[in-house]
Amino acid sequence: MKSTTFTLAFLPLTTAVVLPRQSTCYFSLAARGSPNGTVLESPLGENLIGGNYPPTNYTISNHALSTGRGQSCVVDATTNKFECVASTTSTTNFTLADNGALLHDDCPNYYACPVDEGSWEVYGDALTNSTGCALVTLIAGGFSCAALGSPASSSAAVSSSTPTTTATSAAVATSTGITCPTALANATTYLSSSFIIPISSASPNTTFPPSSGDVLITPDNSTILNFAIPDAAPYASTLSNMCALIFDFPTASALANKSATYSFSGVEEEKGQNGGIDFTLLSEIADANTTWTSINSTQTSVLYDFGTVQIIPGGSYEVARFECAGEREFSVQLSSVGGVQLEYIQDSRVSAIGAFVVPCV
């Protein structure tokens, strides 16, 4: 693997780095634990896991957390509710840990308490009556945040007792006026992967030839996709200064090239084992010498874990969002969670399939 240094919202790949301050940082939140899933917001400003309310996006500045609609967020000192309301002034010290966890007053733990069937309300860890509640962590799901140029990051690590079940969700497509297409068909332009390299835990020290488009994701096999963003329009001049990493997964019958179908075994695994495809940003650029061991031997190989996306045929997903102005290259690893298996060929034609970078507006 070769080292690289990103600019703007990306973290320079050295140790003990002071993260650059970013003017605005957008992210969704997903709960890890049981329950898990995207954090939603009720009309009363309650932060919920599960239910029929829409997801919300958050911003963080000077340790103050607010929603994209300008509602200040607090862990209420009296009720311990994690809520976001317009009339509140944030008094909670919010930070993002290096692993993407949202900390409140340096604590990574929250309680999720059932409010009705399939829905849990989020509270701070100091909740006195936690009967029936479960500890969870909240993970930021935006490419422009956490290890990629967040406001002041905290070095506090998540406790080893923190639940580790991977949260599932695709980020919402809009935040504070910024719209990112979640399907390639809705994008005016796009970038496909510039380099594809397979790795395998069954042959951890083996280098495999770069792929021309084949992607294999199984419990034993992962695939790394490199993306190269040019310093040219529209990526260098997008009004929002943002791009999105998306994943298109059409039904097999919808593929333009009927010979380029895919093999997928995952719906039961996703529902029964919280499975899906895990997307991780690597700290170095993958090359022909990259192996499973070189990626997974140390924790520093992964710069940021975007979490697991439960893909369903016919769906399109926004995986992450990031600042895209300026020339840069990055590597994303796609891995199986919960026994999910997917084999496909990256194809950008009608009914595209695979991972792509698109500019936002």
Protein backbone atom coordinates (compact mmCIF):
# COMPACT_ATOMS: atom_id res chain seq x y z
CA MET A 1 0.00 0.00 0.00
CA LYS A 2 1.20 3.51 -0.66
CA SER A 3 0.77 6.38 1.73
CA THR A 4 -1.10 9.52 0.81
CA THR A 5 -1.98 12.84 2.37
CA PHE A 6 -5.44 14.30 1.93
CA THR A 7 -6.35 17.95 2.19
CA LEU A 8 -9.39 19.86 3.39
CA ALA A 9 -11.76 17.41 5.06
CA PHE A 10 -9.39 14.46 4.96
CA LEU A 11 -7.05 13.47 7.76
CA PRO A 12 -3.31 13.49 6.94
CA LEU A 13 -2.09 9.94 7.32
CA THR A 14 0.34 10.40 10.17
CA THR A 15 0.04 9.74 13.88
CA ALA A 16 -0.78 12.29 16.57
CA VAL A 17 -2.33 14.65 14.05
CA VAL A 18 -4.33 17.69 15.11
CA LEU A 19 -7.48 17.57 13.02
CA PRO A 20 -8.23 20.65 10.93
CA ARG A 21 -11.34 22.60 11.89
CA GLN A 22 -14.15 22.45 9.37
CA SER A 23 -16.69 25.24 8.95
CA THR A 24 -19.69 22.92 8.70
CA CYS A 25 -19.87 19.18 9.20
CA TYR A 26 -22.93 17.10 8.29
CA PHE A 27 -23.66 13.61 9.53
CA SER A 28 -26.40 11.18 10.34
CA LEU A 29 -26.35 9.04 13.48
CA ALA A 30 -26.77 5.30 13.74
CA ALA A 31 -27.07 3.28 16.94
CA ARG A 32 -24.81 0.32 17.61
CA GLY A 33 -26.09 -2.26 20.02
CA SER A 34 -29.50 -3.79 20.46
CA PRO A 35 -31.54 -2.00 19.24
CA ASN A 36 -29.58 -0.64 16.28
CA GLY A 37 -30.38 1.48 13.26
CA THR A 38 -30.67 5.06 12.08
CA VAL A 39 -31.50 7.75 14.63
CA LEU A 40 -34.82 9.40 13.74
CA GLU A 41 -36.40 12.61 15.03
CA SER A 42 -39.98 13.06 16.20
CA PRO A 43 -41.88 16.35 15.74
CA LEU A 44 -41.18 17.04 19.44
CA GLY A 45 -37.42 16.79 18.92
CA GLU A 46 -37.02 13.36 20.48
CA ASN A 47 -34.19 11.23 19.08
CA LEU A 48 -35.51 7.74 18.37
CA ILE A 49 -34.25 4.41 17.07
CA GLY A 50 -36.88 2.74 14.92
CA GLY A 51 -40.35 3.99 14.10
CA ASN A 52 -41.99 5.93 11.30
CA TYR A 53 -40.32 9.31 11.74
CA PRO A 54 -37.76 10.66 9.23
CA PRO A 55 -34.01 10.51 9.82
CA THR A 56 -32.26 13.75 10.65
CA ASN A 57 -28.83 15.19 9.93
CA TYR A 58 -26.69 16.92 12.52
CA THR A 59 -23.98 19.56 12.61
CA ILE A 60 -21.37 20.11 15.31
CA SER A 61 -19.47 23.31 16.05
CA ASN A 62 -17.48 24.28 19.14
CA HIS A 63 -18.84 21.18 20.92
CA ALA A 64 -22.45 22.26 20.31
CA LEU A 65 -24.66 19.79 18.43
CA SER A 66 -27.67 20.85 16.38
CA THR A 67 -29.87 19.45 13.65
CA GLY A 68 -29.84 20.58 10.04
CA ARG A 69 -33.01 22.52 10.85
CA GLY A 70 -31.20 24.57 13.50
CA GLN A 71 -32.54 22.83 16.62
CA SER A 72 -30.03 22.71 19.48
CA CYS A 73 -29.40 19.28 20.98
CA VAL A 74 -28.84 18.47 24.65
CA VAL A 75 -28.85 15.59 27.07
CA ASP A 76 -31.34 17.19 29.44
CA ALA A 77 -29.98 17.54 32.97
CA THR A 78 -33.36 16.65 34.52
CA THR A 79 -34.88 13.98 32.27
CA ASN A 80 -31.63 12.77 30.66
CA LYS A 81 -33.42 12.77 27.30
CA PHE A 82 -31.25 13.26 24.22
CA GLU A 83 -33.41 15.81 22.43
CA CYS A 84 -33.14 18.61 19.88
CA VAL A 85 -35.53 21.56 20.14
CA ALA A 86 -35.45 25.10 18.79
CA SER A 87 -35.92 26.76 22.19
CA THR A 88 -32.96 24.98 23.78
CA THR A 89 -29.43 26.31 24.15
CA SER A 90 -26.93 23.48 24.03
CA THR A 91 -25.29 22.95 27.41
CA THR A 92 -23.94 19.47 26.68
CA ASN A 93 -20.32 19.08 25.58
CA PHE A 94 -20.56 17.01 22.39
CA THR A 95 -17.47 15.65 20.64
CA LEU A 96 -16.69 13.03 18.01
CA ALA A 97 -14.25 10.31 19.00
CA ASP A 98 -11.68 9.08 16.50
CA ASN A 99 -13.83 6.00 15.83
CA GLY A 100 -16.84 8.19 14.96
CA ALA A 101 -18.71 7.77 18.25
CA LEU A 102 -20.72 10.78 19.39
CA LEU A 103 -19.68 11.57 22.97
CA HIS A 104 -21.75 13.59 25.43
CA ASP A 105 -19.58 15.13 28.14
CA ASP A 106 -16.81 12.67 27.18
CA CYS A 107 -19.10 9.63 27.57
CA PRO A 108 -19.79 7.31 24.58
CA ASN A 109 -22.74 5.45 26.15
CA TYR A 110 -26.45 6.14 25.78
CA TYR A 111 -29.59 4.31 26.87
CA ALA A 112 -32.25 3.25 24.37
CA CYS A 113 -35.61 2.80 26.11
CA PRO A 114 -38.72 1.33 24.44
CA VAL A 115 -41.59 3.75 23.87
CA ASP A 116 -43.79 1.59 21.65
CA GLU A 117 -43.46 -1.45 19.43
CA GLY A 118 -40.35 -1.12 17.29
CA SER A 119 -39.25 2.27 18.63
CA TRP A 120 -36.77 3.32 21.34
CA GLU A 121 -36.04 6.77 22.74
CA VAL A 122 -32.42 7.79 23.37
CA TYR A 123 -31.26 8.98 26.81
CA GLY A 124 -27.92 9.85 28.37
CA ASP A 125 -26.02 7.28 30.41
CA ALA A 126 -27.00 8.89 33.75
CA LEU A 127 -30.63 7.76 33.45
CA THR A 128 -31.65 6.58 36.94
CA ASN A 129 -34.56 4.32 35.94
CA SER A 130 -33.12 2.27 33.10
CA THR A 131 -35.31 -0.82 33.56
CA GLY A 132 -35.98 -2.36 30.16
CA CYS A 133 -33.44 -0.06 28.48
CA ALA A 134 -30.28 -1.10 26.65
CA LEU A 135 -26.87 0.54 26.33
CA VAL A 136 -25.97 1.72 22.82
CA THR A 137 -23.40 3.95 21.17
CA LEU A 138 -24.20 6.49 18.46
CA ILE A 139 -21.93 6.53 15.42
CA ALA A 140 -21.61 9.46 13.01
CA GLY A 141 -22.26 8.39 9.43
CA GLY A 142 -20.95 11.29 7.34
CA PHE A 143 -17.81 11.34 5.19
CA SER A 144 -17.14 14.98 6.09
CA CYS A 145 -16.89 14.30 9.81
CA ALA A 146 -15.07 12.34 12.49
CA ALA A 147 -11.63 11.34 11.23
CA LEU A 148 -12.07 13.39 8.07
CA GLY A 149 -11.71 16.92 9.39
CA SER A 150 -14.12 17.13 12.28
CA PRO A 151 -14.28 19.84 14.88
CA ALA A 152 -12.15 19.17 17.95
CA SER A 153 -11.98 15.40 18.23
CA SER A 154 -11.88 13.57 21.53
CA SER A 155 -9.38 10.84 22.17
CA ALA A 156 -11.77 9.06 24.53
CA ALA A 157 -12.15 5.47 23.46
CA VAL A 158 -15.40 3.55 23.54
CA SER A 159 -15.52 1.22 26.52
CA SER A 160 -14.84 -2.43 25.82
CA SER A 161 -18.25 -3.19 27.30
CA THR A 162 -19.95 -1.09 24.65
CA PRO A 163 -22.17 -3.16 22.33
CA THR A 164 -20.44 -3.88 19.03
CA THR A 165 -23.32 -4.88 16.75
CA THR A 166 -22.93 -2.93 13.52
CA ALA A 167 -25.64 -0.39 12.84
CA THR A 168 -27.37 -0.46 9.51
CA SER A 169 -28.57 2.41 7.38
CA ALA A 170 -27.94 4.50 4.33
CA ALA A 171 -27.57 8.19 5.06
CA VAL A 172 -30.38 10.49 3.99
CA ALA A 173 -29.86 12.35 0.74
CA THR A 174 -30.38 15.93 1.86
CA SER A 175 -29.08 18.14 4.66
CA THR A 176 -29.35 21.88 5.10
CA GLY A 177 -30.11 22.49 1.44
CA ILE A 178 -27.47 20.09 0.11
CA THR A 179 -28.82 17.35 -2.14
CA CYS A 180 -26.80 14.28 -3.08
CA PRO A 181 -28.23 11.81 -5.60
CA THR A 182 -28.47 8.35 -4.09
CA ALA A 183 -28.84 6.67 -7.49
CA LEU A 184 -26.51 7.01 -10.45
CA ALA A 185 -29.50 7.55 -12.72
CA ASN A 186 -30.16 10.86 -10.92
CA ALA A 187 -26.56 12.12 -11.13
CA THR A 188 -25.35 14.48 -13.85
CA THR A 189 -21.88 12.94 -13.68
CA TYR A 190 -20.03 10.39 -11.59
CA LEU A 191 -16.72 8.68 -10.86
CA SER A 192 -16.29 4.93 -10.96
CA SER A 193 -13.49 3.10 -9.16
CA SER A 194 -10.05 3.61 -10.68
CA PHE A 195 -8.56 0.43 -9.19
CA ILE A 196 -10.13 -2.75 -7.77
CA ILE A 197 -8.16 -5.21 -5.67
CA PRO A 198 -9.48 -8.39 -3.98
CA ILE A 199 -8.16 -9.67 -0.64
CA SER A 200 -8.96 -12.87 1.26
CA SER A 201 -8.72 -13.98 4.88
CA ALA A 202 -8.38 -17.55 3.58
CA SER A 203 -5.09 -16.51 1.93
CA PRO A 204 -4.12 -13.56 4.14
CA ASN A 205 -0.63 -13.02 2.74
CA THR A 206 -1.49 -13.57 -0.92
CA THR A 207 -1.62 -10.72 -3.42
CA PHE A 208 -4.27 -11.10 -6.09
CA PRO A 209 -4.24 -9.49 -9.55
CA PRO A 210 -6.21 -6.24 -9.80
CA SER A 211 -9.72 -6.79 -11.10
CA SER A 212 -11.13 -5.20 -14.23
CA GLY A 213 -14.52 -4.87 -12.57
CA ASP A 214 -15.33 -8.04 -10.64
CA VAL A 215 -16.20 -7.50 -6.99
CA LEU A 216 -16.42 -10.44 -4.56
CA ILE A 217 -17.72 -10.01 -1.02
CA THR A 218 -18.06 -13.10 1.20
CA PRO A 219 -17.16 -13.96 4.81
CA ASP A 220 -13.66 -14.85 3.52
CA ASN A 221 -13.27 -12.29 0.74
CA SER A 222 -13.33 -8.50 0.64
CA THR A 223 -12.78 -6.07 -2.21
CA ILE A 224 -11.08 -2.67 -2.11
CA LEU A 225 -12.13 0.12 -4.48
CA ASN A 226 -9.89 3.12 -5.17
CA PHE A 227 -11.44 6.42 -6.23
CA ALA A 228 -9.48 9.30 -7.76
CA ILE A 229 -11.18 12.71 -7.62
CA PRO A 230 -9.79 15.21 -10.15
CA ASP A 231 -9.17 18.86 -9.42
CA ALA A 232 -11.60 19.78 -12.16
CA ALA A 233 -15.25 20.67 -12.67
CA PRO A 234 -17.73 19.72 -11.42
CA TYR A 235 -15.85 18.24 -8.43
CA ALA A 236 -13.67 21.31 -7.92
CA SER A 237 -16.52 23.76 -8.47
CA THR A 238 -19.63 22.13 -7.02
CA LEU A 239 -21.61 24.83 -5.18
CA SER A 240 -22.04 22.62 -2.12
CA ASN A 241 -18.37 21.59 -2.11
CA MET A 242 -19.65 18.11 -1.27
CA CYS A 243 -19.65 14.70 -2.91
CA ALA A 244 -21.26 11.42 -1.89
CA LEU A 245 -20.22 7.78 -2.05
CA ILE A 246 -23.27 5.82 -3.20
CA PHE A 247 -24.07 2.17 -3.83
CA ASP A 248 -26.55 1.13 -6.52
CA PHE A 249 -28.04 -2.36 -6.28
CA PRO A 250 -30.68 -2.98 -8.97
CA THR A 251 -32.77 -6.08 -9.33
CA ALA A 252 -31.08 -8.69 -11.52
CA SER A 253 -33.78 -8.33 -14.18
CA ALA A 254 -33.15 -4.58 -14.46
CA LEU A 255 -29.47 -4.82 -15.40
CA ALA A 256 -28.73 -3.36 -18.82
CA ASN A 257 -26.28 -6.11 -19.72
CA LYS A 258 -28.08 -9.37 -18.98
CA SER A 259 -24.76 -11.24 -19.05
CA ALA A 260 -23.47 -9.02 -16.24
CA THR A 261 -25.87 -10.21 -13.55
CA TYR A 262 -24.86 -10.77 -9.94
CA SER A 263 -24.98 -13.46 -7.28
CA PHE A 264 -26.48 -12.38 -3.96
CA SER A 265 -27.22 -14.35 -0.82
CA GLY A 266 -28.00 -11.97 1.95
CA VAL A 267 -31.64 -11.04 2.64
CA GLU A 268 -32.10 -13.69 5.33
CA GLU A 269 -28.64 -12.96 6.77
CA GLU A 270 -29.38 -9.23 6.88
CA LYS A 271 -32.67 -9.72 8.70
CA GLY A 272 -31.57 -12.51 11.01
CA GLN A 273 -27.96 -11.55 11.75
CA ASN A 274 -27.90 -7.76 11.25
CA GLY A 275 -25.85 -8.45 8.14
CA GLY A 276 -24.97 -6.35 5.13
CA ILE A 277 -21.96 -4.76 3.44
CA ASP A 278 -19.53 -2.90 5.70
CA PHE A 279 -17.78 0.12 4.14
CA THR A 280 -14.47 1.26 5.66
CA LEU A 281 -12.14 4.07 4.62
CA LEU A 282 -8.53 2.86 4.62
CA SER A 283 -5.65 4.95 5.91
CA GLU A 284 -3.49 4.17 2.88
CA ILE A 285 -4.13 3.75 -0.83
CA ALA A 286 -4.42 0.12 -1.89
CA ASP A 287 -2.12 -1.14 -4.63
CA ALA A 288 -1.07 -4.42 -6.23
CA ASN A 289 0.88 -5.38 -3.08
CA THR A 290 -2.09 -5.04 -0.74
CA THR A 291 -3.08 -8.20 1.16
CA TRP A 292 -5.59 -9.13 3.84
CA THR A 293 -2.80 -9.05 6.41
CA SER A 294 -1.60 -5.58 5.44
CA ILE A 295 -5.14 -4.24 5.84
CA ASN A 296 -6.25 -6.11 8.96
CA SER A 297 -3.06 -6.61 10.98
CA THR A 298 -3.31 -3.24 12.76
CA GLN A 299 -6.17 -0.99 13.82
CA THR A 300 -4.48 1.97 12.15
CA SER A 301 -5.14 0.49 8.70
CA VAL A 302 -8.77 1.60 8.94
CA LEU A 303 -9.17 5.36 9.11
CA TYR A 304 -12.95 5.35 9.52
CA ASP A 305 -15.74 2.76 9.54
CA PHE A 306 -18.85 4.06 7.80
CA GLY A 307 -20.89 1.16 9.19
CA THR A 308 -22.95 -1.55 7.57
CA VAL A 309 -25.49 -0.95 4.82
CA GLN A 310 -28.25 -3.53 4.47
CA ILE A 311 -28.54 -3.75 0.70
CA ILE A 312 -31.72 -5.04 -0.91
CA PRO A 313 -32.11 -5.66 -4.68
CA GLY A 314 -33.74 -2.62 -6.22
CA GLY A 315 -32.24 -0.19 -3.70
CA SER A 316 -29.84 2.75 -3.92
CA TYR A 317 -27.89 3.95 -0.90
CA GLU A 318 -25.84 6.95 0.17
CA VAL A 319 -22.95 5.47 2.14
CA ALA A 320 -21.03 8.62 3.03
CA ARG A 321 -20.59 12.32 2.29
CA PHE A 322 -17.37 14.34 2.07
CA GLU A 323 -15.74 17.52 0.81
CA CYS A 324 -14.62 16.87 -2.76
CA ALA A 325 -12.84 20.03 -3.94
CA GLY A 326 -9.18 19.38 -4.69
CA GLU A 327 -7.41 16.42 -6.22
CA ARG A 328 -7.30 13.35 -3.99
CA GLU A 329 -7.45 9.56 -3.98
CA PHE A 330 -8.86 7.22 -1.37
CA SER A 331 -9.56 3.51 -0.83
CA VAL A 332 -12.76 1.94 0.50
CA GLN A 333 -12.99 -1.68 1.61
CA LEU A 334 -16.26 -3.59 1.12
CA SER A 335 -16.65 -6.52 3.54
CA SER A 336 -19.31 -9.04 4.47
CA VAL A 337 -21.19 -8.79 7.77
CA GLY A 338 -23.40 -11.59 9.08
CA GLY A 339 -22.61 -14.05 6.29
CA VAL A 340 -23.81 -11.87 3.40
CA GLN A 341 -22.37 -12.87 0.00
CA LEU A 342 -22.35 -10.68 -3.10
CA GLU A 343 -20.51 -11.06 -6.39
CA TYR A 344 -21.01 -8.53 -9.15
CA ILE A 345 -19.31 -6.55 -11.92
CA GLN A 346 -19.04 -2.76 -11.50
CA ASP A 347 -21.25 -1.38 -14.26
CA SER A 348 -22.25 2.26 -14.73
CA ARG A 349 -24.70 1.78 -17.57
CA VAL A 350 -28.49 1.96 -17.24
CA SER A 351 -29.49 0.22 -13.99
CA ALA A 352 -25.97 0.73 -12.67
CA ILE A 353 -24.55 -1.62 -10.06
CA GLY A 354 -21.74 -0.90 -7.61
CA ALA A 355 -20.12 1.96 -5.72
CA PHE A 356 -19.68 5.41 -7.30
CA VAL A 357 -18.79 8.98 -6.30
CA VAL A 358 -21.25 11.71 -7.32
CA PRO A 359 -21.17 15.51 -6.80
CA CYS A 360 -23.85 17.09 -4.61
CA VAL A 361 -25.69 20.33 -5.28
